[in-house]
Amino acid sequence: MDTFPDRSGDNTTSSAPESPVQGDLTRAVVTRRTAYEAGHHITPHWHRRAQFACAMEGTMRVRSARRAWIVPPSRAVWIPAHTVHEIQMYGTVKMHSLYVDAAAATGMPAAPVVLNVTPLLRELIARAVVTAPDYDEAGDEGLLMRLLLSEIRRLEPCAFDLPLPGSPDLVRLCERILADLSAQRDCSAHAQELGTSARTLYRRFLRETGITFARWKQQARLLESIRRLAAGAPVTAVAIDLGYESPSAFSTMFRRALGVAPRGFAAGETGSARRH
């Protein structure tokens, strides 16, 4: 997984420029189709509307100041209005986005979250992004948009997120871990790097991220495995590269976390991800 820069602060409009939404802004929902080359990076920005960004092809990594999300194909990320975020593309990405005004976003998640996209919703999105910007909200296109929003409210969340610490020294520690997820170092070794005790590191990490240090490392490996599997990497290669004792040990972890085997996930099964 790519490392992330040393940042602090919350998700406010003061820390990044607004990214304007193109389209007829008198409409409750504005749609957009975009395609990006591998490695493309959208710098930190925010929108006045909420954004529902679906990865029709390719994988995205969305990051805010204190959390990161992996969005593989057939998943989408819901980003509430005024949330500062950046996006990294892995492989060629085709993104379909819906920008939703405040009234239409009622009942949607209050925080960013990755969601499983159903086959029905995928087809609805494909139809919505080719409508005219000045579509008739009282006609069939307006009905389509209302159905889309209703389906989004029914989607199941995915545990495809990684909390990030705020302290610069912990951020740098996380950068080193993410740069080599195959390394098998315990909490004591990492604490020694920081010149502190394992107990202090445990307490600080739990306080700043909401999960234990060991759980964080496991989640980091899980998200990187999701990215690699979505790109077509073999299960055995992913397991070895991420430091698992065997492919079966990796598969057990993956199934426990997401409710589906790695090969099933790569084939498009969604499973039932557990929240940490």
C-alpha atoms as a PDB file:
ATOM      1  CA  MET A   1       0.000   0.000   0.000  1.00  0.00           C
ATOM      2  CA  ASP A   2       1.262   3.493  -0.763  1.00  0.00           C
ATOM      3  CA  THR A   3       2.385   5.562   2.181  1.00  0.00           C
ATOM      4  CA  PHE A   4       0.562   8.716   3.138  1.00  0.00           C
ATOM      5  CA  PRO A   5       1.925  12.182   3.904  1.00  0.00           C
ATOM      6  CA  ASP A   6       2.290  13.608   7.376  1.00  0.00           C
ATOM      7  CA  ARG A   7      -0.905  15.548   7.956  1.00  0.00           C
ATOM      8  CA  SER A   8      -3.038  16.544  10.885  1.00  0.00           C
ATOM      9  CA  GLY A   9      -6.340  18.322  11.316  1.00  0.00           C
ATOM     10  CA  ASP A  10      -9.932  17.459  10.582  1.00  0.00           C
ATOM     11  CA  ASN A  11     -12.066  17.372   7.459  1.00  0.00           C
ATOM     12  CA  THR A  12     -12.978  21.004   7.069  1.00  0.00           C
ATOM     13  CA  THR A  13     -13.300  23.215   4.040  1.00  0.00           C
ATOM     14  CA  SER A  14     -10.408  25.368   5.265  1.00  0.00           C
ATOM     15  CA  SER A  15      -7.697  22.804   4.431  1.00  0.00           C
ATOM     16  CA  ALA A  16      -8.253  22.298   0.696  1.00  0.00           C
ATOM     17  CA  PRO A  17      -9.856  24.017  -2.300  1.00  0.00           C
ATOM     18  CA  GLU A  18     -13.421  23.386  -3.326  1.00  0.00           C
ATOM     19  CA  SER A  19     -13.826  21.272  -6.443  1.00  0.00           C
ATOM     20  CA  PRO A  20     -16.789  22.621  -8.435  1.00  0.00           C
ATOM     21  CA  VAL A  21     -19.436  20.226  -9.686  1.00  0.00           C
ATOM     22  CA  GLN A  22     -20.343  20.565 -13.346  1.00  0.00           C
ATOM     23  CA  GLY A  23     -23.973  20.266 -14.426  1.00  0.00           C
ATOM     24  CA  ASP A  24     -27.365  21.787 -13.817  1.00  0.00           C
ATOM     25  CA  LEU A  25     -27.154  22.565 -10.098  1.00  0.00           C
ATOM     26  CA  THR A  26     -30.890  23.192  -9.889  1.00  0.00           C
ATOM     27  CA  ARG A  27     -31.230  19.392  -9.990  1.00  0.00           C
ATOM     28  CA  ALA A  28     -31.112  17.340  -6.784  1.00  0.00           C
ATOM     29  CA  VAL A  29     -28.646  14.880  -8.330  1.00  0.00           C
ATOM     30  CA  VAL A  30     -25.881  15.754 -10.789  1.00  0.00           C
ATOM     31  CA  THR A  31     -24.025  12.930 -12.553  1.00  0.00           C
ATOM     32  CA  ARG A  32     -20.557  12.648 -14.048  1.00  0.00           C
ATOM     33  CA  ARG A  33     -18.481  10.021 -15.891  1.00  0.00           C
ATOM     34  CA  THR A  34     -14.695  10.166 -15.615  1.00  0.00           C
ATOM     35  CA  ALA A  35     -11.776   7.947 -16.638  1.00  0.00           C
ATOM     36  CA  TYR A  36      -8.276   8.092 -15.185  1.00  0.00           C
ATOM     37  CA  GLU A  37      -4.959   6.499 -16.086  1.00  0.00           C
ATOM     38  CA  ALA A  38      -3.102   4.285 -13.635  1.00  0.00           C
ATOM     39  CA  GLY A  39      -1.337   6.300 -10.975  1.00  0.00           C
ATOM     40  CA  HIS A  40      -3.462   9.427 -11.399  1.00  0.00           C
ATOM     41  CA  HIS A  41      -3.840  11.400  -8.182  1.00  0.00           C
ATOM     42  CA  ILE A  42      -6.651  13.831  -7.388  1.00  0.00           C
ATOM     43  CA  THR A  43      -5.287  16.261  -4.818  1.00  0.00           C
ATOM     44  CA  PRO A  44      -7.168  17.150  -1.584  1.00  0.00           C
ATOM     45  CA  HIS A  45     -10.434  18.949  -2.265  1.00  0.00           C
ATOM     46  CA  TRP A  46     -14.056  19.105  -1.145  1.00  0.00           C
ATOM     47  CA  HIS A  47     -17.536  19.503  -2.627  1.00  0.00           C
ATOM     48  CA  ARG A  48     -20.570  21.450  -1.479  1.00  0.00           C
ATOM     49  CA  ARG A  49     -22.633  18.367  -2.380  1.00  0.00           C
ATOM     50  CA  ALA A  50     -22.264  14.821  -1.135  1.00  0.00           C
ATOM     51  CA  GLN A  51     -20.541  12.497  -3.614  1.00  0.00           C
ATOM     52  CA  PHE A  52     -21.333   8.873  -4.389  1.00  0.00           C
ATOM     53  CA  ALA A  53     -18.365   7.619  -6.431  1.00  0.00           C
ATOM     54  CA  CYS A  54     -18.624   4.145  -7.939  1.00  0.00           C
ATOM     55  CA  ALA A  55     -15.624   2.247  -9.287  1.00  0.00           C
ATOM     56  CA  MET A  56     -17.035   0.721 -12.456  1.00  0.00           C
ATOM     57  CA  GLU A  57     -13.507  -0.449 -13.362  1.00  0.00           C
ATOM     58  CA  GLY A  58     -10.227  -0.235 -11.483  1.00  0.00           C
ATOM     59  CA  THR A  59      -9.531   0.471  -7.821  1.00  0.00           C
ATOM     60  CA  MET A  60      -9.412   3.780  -5.965  1.00  0.00           C
ATOM     61  CA  ARG A  61      -7.896   4.754  -2.642  1.00  0.00           C
ATOM     62  CA  VAL A  62      -9.767   7.623  -1.000  1.00  0.00           C
ATOM     63  CA  ARG A  63      -8.090   9.390   1.891  1.00  0.00           C
ATOM     64  CA  SER A  64      -9.115  12.029   4.410  1.00  0.00           C
ATOM     65  CA  ALA A  65      -6.949  13.468   7.175  1.00  0.00           C
ATOM     66  CA  ARG A  66      -7.624  10.599   9.580  1.00  0.00           C
ATOM     67  CA  ARG A  67      -8.866   7.660   7.516  1.00  0.00           C
ATOM     68  CA  ALA A  68      -8.279   5.841   4.225  1.00  0.00           C
ATOM     69  CA  TRP A  69     -10.631   3.666   2.162  1.00  0.00           C
ATOM     70  CA  ILE A  70     -10.005   1.148  -0.618  1.00  0.00           C
ATOM     71  CA  VAL A  71     -12.736   1.121  -3.297  1.00  0.00           C
ATOM     72  CA  PRO A  72     -12.402  -1.892  -5.636  1.00  0.00           C
ATOM     73  CA  PRO A  73     -14.648  -2.571  -8.650  1.00  0.00           C
ATOM     74  CA  SER A  74     -18.384  -2.881  -7.982  1.00  0.00           C
ATOM     75  CA  ARG A  75     -18.043  -0.895  -4.776  1.00  0.00           C
ATOM     76  CA  ALA A  76     -18.637   2.785  -4.164  1.00  0.00           C
ATOM     77  CA  VAL A  77     -17.694   5.363  -1.588  1.00  0.00           C
ATOM     78  CA  TRP A  78     -20.147   7.794  -0.049  1.00  0.00           C
ATOM     79  CA  ILE A  79     -18.459  11.114   0.821  1.00  0.00           C
ATOM     80  CA  PRO A  80     -20.600  13.639   2.721  1.00  0.00           C
ATOM     81  CA  ALA A  81     -20.547  17.279   1.657  1.00  0.00           C
ATOM     82  CA  HIS A  82     -17.598  19.430   2.812  1.00  0.00           C
ATOM     83  CA  THR A  83     -15.377  16.399   3.482  1.00  0.00           C
ATOM     84  CA  VAL A  84     -11.800  17.073   2.382  1.00  0.00           C
ATOM     85  CA  HIS A  85     -10.487  14.033   0.521  1.00  0.00           C
ATOM     86  CA  GLU A  86      -7.983  12.920  -2.111  1.00  0.00           C
ATOM     87  CA  ILE A  87      -8.105   9.970  -4.504  1.00  0.00           C
ATOM     88  CA  GLN A  88      -5.347   7.712  -5.852  1.00  0.00           C
ATOM     89  CA  MET A  89      -6.005   5.511  -8.876  1.00  0.00           C
ATOM     90  CA  TYR A  90      -4.704   1.936  -9.172  1.00  0.00           C
ATOM     91  CA  GLY A  91      -4.921   0.693 -12.724  1.00  0.00           C
ATOM     92  CA  THR A  92      -7.162   2.391 -15.245  1.00  0.00           C
ATOM     93  CA  VAL A  93     -10.201   3.654 -13.352  1.00  0.00           C
ATOM     94  CA  LYS A  94     -13.645   4.376 -14.718  1.00  0.00           C
ATOM     95  CA  MET A  95     -15.582   6.308 -12.102  1.00  0.00           C
ATOM     96  CA  HIS A  96     -19.266   7.170 -12.186  1.00  0.00           C
ATOM     97  CA  SER A  97     -20.253   9.830  -9.674  1.00  0.00           C
ATOM     98  CA  LEU A  98     -23.498  11.207  -8.323  1.00  0.00           C
ATOM     99  CA  TYR A  99     -23.403  14.588  -6.578  1.00  0.00           C
ATOM    100  CA  VAL A 100     -26.361  14.905  -4.220  1.00  0.00           C
ATOM    101  CA  ASP A 101     -27.710  18.098  -2.657  1.00  0.00           C
ATOM    102  CA  ALA A 102     -28.451  18.384   1.053  1.00  0.00           C
ATOM    103  CA  ALA A 103     -32.194  17.737   0.836  1.00  0.00           C
ATOM    104  CA  ALA A 104     -31.820  14.625  -1.315  1.00  0.00           C
ATOM    105  CA  ALA A 105     -28.991  13.319   0.907  1.00  0.00           C
ATOM    106  CA  THR A 106     -31.269  13.071   3.946  1.00  0.00           C
ATOM    107  CA  GLY A 107     -30.897   9.673   5.591  1.00  0.00           C
ATOM    108  CA  MET A 108     -27.534   8.939   3.962  1.00  0.00           C
ATOM    109  CA  PRO A 109     -24.434   8.012   6.039  1.00  0.00           C
ATOM    110  CA  ALA A 110     -23.054  10.882   8.127  1.00  0.00           C
ATOM    111  CA  ALA A 111     -19.434   9.832   7.534  1.00  0.00           C
ATOM    112  CA  PRO A 112     -17.555   8.470   4.504  1.00  0.00           C
ATOM    113  CA  VAL A 113     -18.077   4.748   3.944  1.00  0.00           C
ATOM    114  CA  VAL A 114     -17.461   2.128   1.249  1.00  0.00           C
ATOM    115  CA  LEU A 115     -20.633   0.381   0.112  1.00  0.00           C
ATOM    116  CA  ASN A 116     -21.392  -2.823  -1.803  1.00  0.00           C
ATOM    117  CA  VAL A 117     -23.031  -1.959  -5.120  1.00  0.00           C
ATOM    118  CA  THR A 118     -25.814  -4.320  -6.164  1.00  0.00           C
ATOM    119  CA  PRO A 119     -26.227  -5.364  -9.815  1.00  0.00           C
ATOM    120  CA  LEU A 120     -29.477  -3.370  -9.935  1.00  0.00           C
ATOM    121  CA  LEU A 121     -27.809  -0.199  -8.685  1.00  0.00           C
ATOM    122  CA  ARG A 122     -24.923  -0.633 -11.087  1.00  0.00           C
ATOM    123  CA  GLU A 123     -27.354  -0.647 -14.021  1.00  0.00           C
ATOM    124  CA  LEU A 124     -29.243   2.343 -12.622  1.00  0.00           C
ATOM    125  CA  ILE A 125     -25.993   4.296 -12.294  1.00  0.00           C
ATOM    126  CA  ALA A 126     -24.979   3.438 -15.861  1.00  0.00           C
ATOM    127  CA  ARG A 127     -28.339   4.799 -17.042  1.00  0.00           C
ATOM    128  CA  ALA A 128     -28.202   7.901 -14.847  1.00  0.00           C
ATOM    129  CA  VAL A 129     -24.784   9.133 -16.001  1.00  0.00           C
ATOM    130  CA  VAL A 130     -25.961   9.446 -19.620  1.00  0.00           C
ATOM    131  CA  THR A 131     -29.007  11.592 -18.842  1.00  0.00           C
ATOM    132  CA  ALA A 132     -29.022  15.200 -19.968  1.00  0.00           C
ATOM    133  CA  PRO A 133     -27.846  17.724 -17.336  1.00  0.00           C
ATOM    134  CA  ASP A 134     -31.236  19.456 -17.485  1.00  0.00           C
ATOM    135  CA  TYR A 135     -33.239  16.241 -17.122  1.00  0.00           C
ATOM    136  CA  ASP A 136     -36.916  16.512 -16.180  1.00  0.00           C
ATOM    137  CA  GLU A 137     -37.142  15.910 -12.420  1.00  0.00           C
ATOM    138  CA  ALA A 138     -40.889  15.367 -12.744  1.00  0.00           C
ATOM    139  CA  GLY A 139     -40.436  12.811 -15.519  1.00  0.00           C
ATOM    140  CA  ASP A 140     -38.798   9.418 -15.961  1.00  0.00           C
ATOM    141  CA  GLU A 141     -35.268  10.727 -15.311  1.00  0.00           C
ATOM    142  CA  GLY A 142     -36.345  12.264 -12.023  1.00  0.00           C
ATOM    143  CA  LEU A 143     -37.925   8.946 -11.033  1.00  0.00           C
ATOM    144  CA  LEU A 144     -34.666   7.209 -11.919  1.00  0.00           C
ATOM    145  CA  MET A 145     -32.696   9.540  -9.633  1.00  0.00           C
ATOM    146  CA  ARG A 146     -35.116   9.013  -6.749  1.00  0.00           C
ATOM    147  CA  LEU A 147     -34.878   5.244  -7.200  1.00  0.00           C
ATOM    148  CA  LEU A 148     -31.081   5.526  -7.208  1.00  0.00           C
ATOM    149  CA  LEU A 149     -31.081   7.378  -3.901  1.00  0.00           C
ATOM    150  CA  SER A 150     -33.482   4.862  -2.388  1.00  0.00           C
ATOM    151  CA  GLU A 151     -31.208   1.985  -3.433  1.00  0.00           C
ATOM    152  CA  ILE A 152     -28.106   3.711  -2.050  1.00  0.00           C
ATOM    153  CA  ARG A 153     -29.775   3.980   1.361  1.00  0.00           C
ATOM    154  CA  ARG A 154     -30.215   0.184   1.319  1.00  0.00           C
ATOM    155  CA  LEU A 155     -26.595  -0.696   0.542  1.00  0.00           C
ATOM    156  CA  GLU A 156     -24.464  -2.697   2.970  1.00  0.00           C
ATOM    157  CA  PRO A 157     -21.230  -1.090   4.244  1.00  0.00           C
ATOM    158  CA  CYS A 158     -17.840  -2.721   3.670  1.00  0.00           C
ATOM    159  CA  ALA A 159     -15.019  -2.809   6.232  1.00  0.00           C
ATOM    160  CA  PHE A 160     -12.597  -1.380   3.668  1.00  0.00           C
ATOM    161  CA  ASP A 161     -11.293   1.470   5.809  1.00  0.00           C
ATOM    162  CA  LEU A 162      -8.139   2.148   7.792  1.00  0.00           C
ATOM    163  CA  PRO A 163      -8.066   4.697  10.632  1.00  0.00           C
ATOM    164  CA  LEU A 164      -5.010   6.934  10.739  1.00  0.00           C
ATOM    165  CA  PRO A 165      -3.263   8.470  13.766  1.00  0.00           C
ATOM    166  CA  GLY A 166      -2.788  12.192  14.199  1.00  0.00           C
ATOM    167  CA  SER A 167       0.582  12.411  15.953  1.00  0.00           C
ATOM    168  CA  PRO A 168       3.498  12.954  13.535  1.00  0.00           C
ATOM    169  CA  ASP A 169       5.640  10.217  15.086  1.00  0.00           C
ATOM    170  CA  LEU A 170       2.837   7.663  14.798  1.00  0.00           C
ATOM    171  CA  VAL A 171       2.161   8.766  11.230  1.00  0.00           C
ATOM    172  CA  ARG A 172       5.812   8.143  10.360  1.00  0.00           C
ATOM    173  CA  LEU A 173       5.650   4.737  12.052  1.00  0.00           C
ATOM    174  CA  CYS A 174       2.591   3.847   9.972  1.00  0.00           C
ATOM    175  CA  GLU A 175       4.403   4.978   6.812  1.00  0.00           C
ATOM    176  CA  ARG A 176       7.244   2.563   7.541  1.00  0.00           C
ATOM    177  CA  ILE A 177       4.823  -0.293   8.186  1.00  0.00           C
ATOM    178  CA  LEU A 178       2.828   0.388   5.029  1.00  0.00           C
ATOM    179  CA  ALA A 179       6.036   0.475   2.997  1.00  0.00           C
ATOM    180  CA  ASP A 180       6.756  -3.149   3.991  1.00  0.00           C
ATOM    181  CA  LEU A 181       3.665  -5.018   5.115  1.00  0.00           C
ATOM    182  CA  SER A 182       5.531  -8.326   4.963  1.00  0.00           C
ATOM    183  CA  ALA A 183       7.741  -7.425   7.934  1.00  0.00           C
ATOM    184  CA  GLN A 184       6.959  -9.390  11.088  1.00  0.00           C
ATOM    185  CA  ARG A 185       7.787  -7.006  13.930  1.00  0.00           C
ATOM    186  CA  ASP A 186       5.941  -6.973  17.233  1.00  0.00           C
ATOM    187  CA  CYS A 187       4.733  -3.987  19.212  1.00  0.00           C
ATOM    188  CA  SER A 188       7.866  -3.944  21.388  1.00  0.00           C
ATOM    189  CA  ALA A 189      10.130  -3.548  18.352  1.00  0.00           C
ATOM    190  CA  HIS A 190       8.061  -0.663  17.025  1.00  0.00           C
ATOM    191  CA  ALA A 191       7.955   0.951  20.466  1.00  0.00           C
ATOM    192  CA  GLN A 192      11.735   0.804  20.617  1.00  0.00           C
ATOM    193  CA  GLU A 193      11.884   2.746  17.333  1.00  0.00           C
ATOM    194  CA  LEU A 194       9.920   5.515  19.028  1.00  0.00           C
ATOM    195  CA  GLY A 195      11.899   5.362  22.259  1.00  0.00           C
ATOM    196  CA  THR A 196       8.877   4.378  24.308  1.00  0.00           C
ATOM    197  CA  SER A 197       7.353   1.295  25.908  1.00  0.00           C
ATOM    198  CA  ALA A 198       5.056  -1.204  24.223  1.00  0.00           C
ATOM    199  CA  ARG A 199       2.320  -0.341  26.710  1.00  0.00           C
ATOM    200  CA  THR A 200       2.563   3.369  25.931  1.00  0.00           C
ATOM    201  CA  LEU A 201       2.494   2.716  22.178  1.00  0.00           C
ATOM    202  CA  TYR A 202      -0.526   0.443  22.624  1.00  0.00           C
ATOM    203  CA  ARG A 203      -2.417   3.104  24.582  1.00  0.00           C
ATOM    204  CA  ARG A 204      -1.529   5.955  22.241  1.00  0.00           C
ATOM    205  CA  PHE A 205      -2.473   3.999  19.121  1.00  0.00           C
ATOM    206  CA  LEU A 206      -5.775   2.889  20.604  1.00  0.00           C
ATOM    207  CA  ARG A 207      -6.574   6.455  21.653  1.00  0.00           C
ATOM    208  CA  GLU A 208      -5.758   7.981  18.264  1.00  0.00           C
ATOM    209  CA  THR A 209      -7.227   5.349  15.933  1.00  0.00           C
ATOM    210  CA  GLY A 210      -9.895   3.589  17.998  1.00  0.00           C
ATOM    211  CA  ILE A 211      -8.364   0.143  17.391  1.00  0.00           C
ATOM    212  CA  THR A 212      -5.344  -1.709  18.728  1.00  0.00           C
ATOM    213  CA  PHE A 213      -1.964  -1.559  17.021  1.00  0.00           C
ATOM    214  CA  ALA A 214      -2.107  -5.255  16.097  1.00  0.00           C
ATOM    215  CA  ARG A 215      -5.620  -4.844  14.693  1.00  0.00           C
ATOM    216  CA  TRP A 216      -4.475  -1.843  12.662  1.00  0.00           C
ATOM    217  CA  LYS A 217      -1.644  -3.823  11.070  1.00  0.00           C
ATOM    218  CA  GLN A 218      -4.041  -6.637  10.202  1.00  0.00           C
ATOM    219  CA  GLN A 219      -6.469  -4.179   8.634  1.00  0.00           C
ATOM    220  CA  ALA A 220      -3.658  -2.555   6.634  1.00  0.00           C
ATOM    221  CA  ARG A 221      -2.721  -5.960   5.213  1.00  0.00           C
ATOM    222  CA  LEU A 222      -6.370  -6.702   4.457  1.00  0.00           C
ATOM    223  CA  LEU A 223      -6.833  -3.493   2.455  1.00  0.00           C
ATOM    224  CA  GLU A 224      -3.627  -4.079   0.518  1.00  0.00           C
ATOM    225  CA  SER A 225      -4.742  -7.631  -0.263  1.00  0.00           C
ATOM    226  CA  ILE A 226      -8.071  -6.278  -1.536  1.00  0.00           C
ATOM    227  CA  ARG A 227      -6.239  -3.885  -3.840  1.00  0.00           C
ATOM    228  CA  ARG A 228      -3.945  -6.598  -5.186  1.00  0.00           C
ATOM    229  CA  LEU A 229      -6.690  -9.181  -5.665  1.00  0.00           C
ATOM    230  CA  ALA A 230      -8.815  -6.617  -7.500  1.00  0.00           C
ATOM    231  CA  ALA A 231      -5.849  -6.061  -9.825  1.00  0.00           C
ATOM    232  CA  GLY A 232      -5.700  -9.786 -10.606  1.00  0.00           C
ATOM    233  CA  ALA A 233      -2.787 -10.880  -8.395  1.00  0.00           C
ATOM    234  CA  PRO A 234      -2.759 -14.630  -7.512  1.00  0.00           C
ATOM    235  CA  VAL A 235      -3.854 -15.503  -3.973  1.00  0.00           C
ATOM    236  CA  THR A 236      -0.567 -17.286  -3.216  1.00  0.00           C
ATOM    237  CA  ALA A 237       1.515 -14.293  -4.310  1.00  0.00           C
ATOM    238  CA  VAL A 238      -0.595 -11.912  -2.209  1.00  0.00           C
ATOM    239  CA  ALA A 239      -0.263 -14.133   0.858  1.00  0.00           C
ATOM    240  CA  ILE A 240       3.529 -14.395   0.512  1.00  0.00           C
ATOM    241  CA  ASP A 241       4.058 -10.710  -0.252  1.00  0.00           C
ATOM    242  CA  LEU A 242       2.074  -9.682   2.826  1.00  0.00           C
ATOM    243  CA  GLY A 243       3.956 -11.962   5.182  1.00  0.00           C
ATOM    244  CA  TYR A 244       1.427 -14.708   5.886  1.00  0.00           C
ATOM    245  CA  GLU A 245       2.756 -18.131   6.864  1.00  0.00           C
ATOM    246  CA  SER A 246       0.758 -19.820   4.100  1.00  0.00           C
ATOM    247  CA  PRO A 247      -2.002 -19.128   1.565  1.00  0.00           C
ATOM    248  CA  SER A 248      -4.420 -21.017   3.836  1.00  0.00           C
ATOM    249  CA  ALA A 249      -3.597 -18.719   6.776  1.00  0.00           C
ATOM    250  CA  PHE A 250      -4.220 -15.705   4.548  1.00  0.00           C
ATOM    251  CA  SER A 251      -7.481 -17.181   3.241  1.00  0.00           C
ATOM    252  CA  THR A 252      -8.685 -17.846   6.791  1.00  0.00           C
ATOM    253  CA  MET A 253      -8.030 -14.232   7.793  1.00  0.00           C
ATOM    254  CA  PHE A 254      -9.651 -12.900   4.630  1.00  0.00           C
ATOM    255  CA  ARG A 255     -12.770 -15.028   5.000  1.00  0.00           C
ATOM    256  CA  ARG A 256     -13.103 -14.117   8.674  1.00  0.00           C
ATOM    257  CA  ALA A 257     -12.886 -10.404   7.867  1.00  0.00           C
ATOM    258  CA  LEU A 258     -15.017 -10.241   4.726  1.00  0.00           C
ATOM    259  CA  GLY A 259     -17.170 -13.360   4.775  1.00  0.00           C
ATOM    260  CA  VAL A 260     -15.831 -14.567   1.424  1.00  0.00           C
ATOM    261  CA  ALA A 261     -12.701 -16.434   0.301  1.00  0.00           C
ATOM    262  CA  PRO A 262     -10.015 -14.471  -1.595  1.00  0.00           C
ATOM    263  CA  ARG A 263     -10.738 -16.276  -4.863  1.00  0.00           C
ATOM    264  CA  GLY A 264     -14.442 -15.619  -4.434  1.00  0.00           C
ATOM    265  CA  PHE A 265     -13.763 -11.942  -3.807  1.00  0.00           C
ATOM    266  CA  ALA A 266     -11.611 -11.752  -6.929  1.00  0.00           C
ATOM    267  CA  ALA A 267     -14.488 -13.342  -8.867  1.00  0.00           C
ATOM    268  CA  GLY A 268     -16.894 -10.634  -7.700  1.00  0.00           C
ATOM    269  CA  GLU A 269     -18.538 -12.126  -4.617  1.00  0.00           C
ATOM    270  CA  THR A 270     -19.277  -9.524  -1.945  1.00  0.00           C
ATOM    271  CA  GLY A 271     -19.579 -11.589   1.243  1.00  0.00           C
ATOM    272  CA  SER A 272     -20.562  -9.889   4.495  1.00  0.00           C
ATOM    273  CA  ALA A 273     -17.755  -7.692   5.774  1.00  0.00           C
ATOM    274  CA  ARG A 274     -17.504  -7.235   9.521  1.00  0.00           C
ATOM    275  CA  ARG A 275     -16.918  -3.839  11.021  1.00  0.00           C
ATOM    276  CA  HIS A 276     -13.957  -3.427  13.344  1.00  0.00           C
END
